Amino acid sequence: MLPVLNSTLSVSGAGSSASGAAALSAEGAGLAGSRGGATPFSDLLADTVGQVSQLENQARTSMDGLMTGSGVDVHEAMIAEQKASMAFELALSVRNKAVDAYQQVMGMQF
């Protein structure tokens, strides 16, 4: 799991957005300093989409288990659903920032 996604999802409580932002900036600083062996952005994006899909499948499985009464607690199902929701929102934000940056670069005149 990506360090940013992992640290954002493992944080709970009121300070989760601040901690997630700190993790995002720390990860960005780490990537900026080590360009020699850096992973291509497309690979990071593909891995993140796979992880979001996996979290959504886990949430769906836990919700199905809750509905069928197969031993899944309500809080476990809700936590899985929130993890999937947060991961999707994070991936969507990264996508939107990348699209905005692309549009800004394409609008430049050289």
Foldseek 3Di string as FASTA:
>chain_A
DDQLLVQLLVDDDDCSVVRSVVSVVVVVVVCVVDVPPDDDPVVVLVVLVVVLVVLVVVLVVLVVCVVVVVPRDPVNSVSSVVSSVVSVVVSVVVVVVVVVVVVVVVPDDD
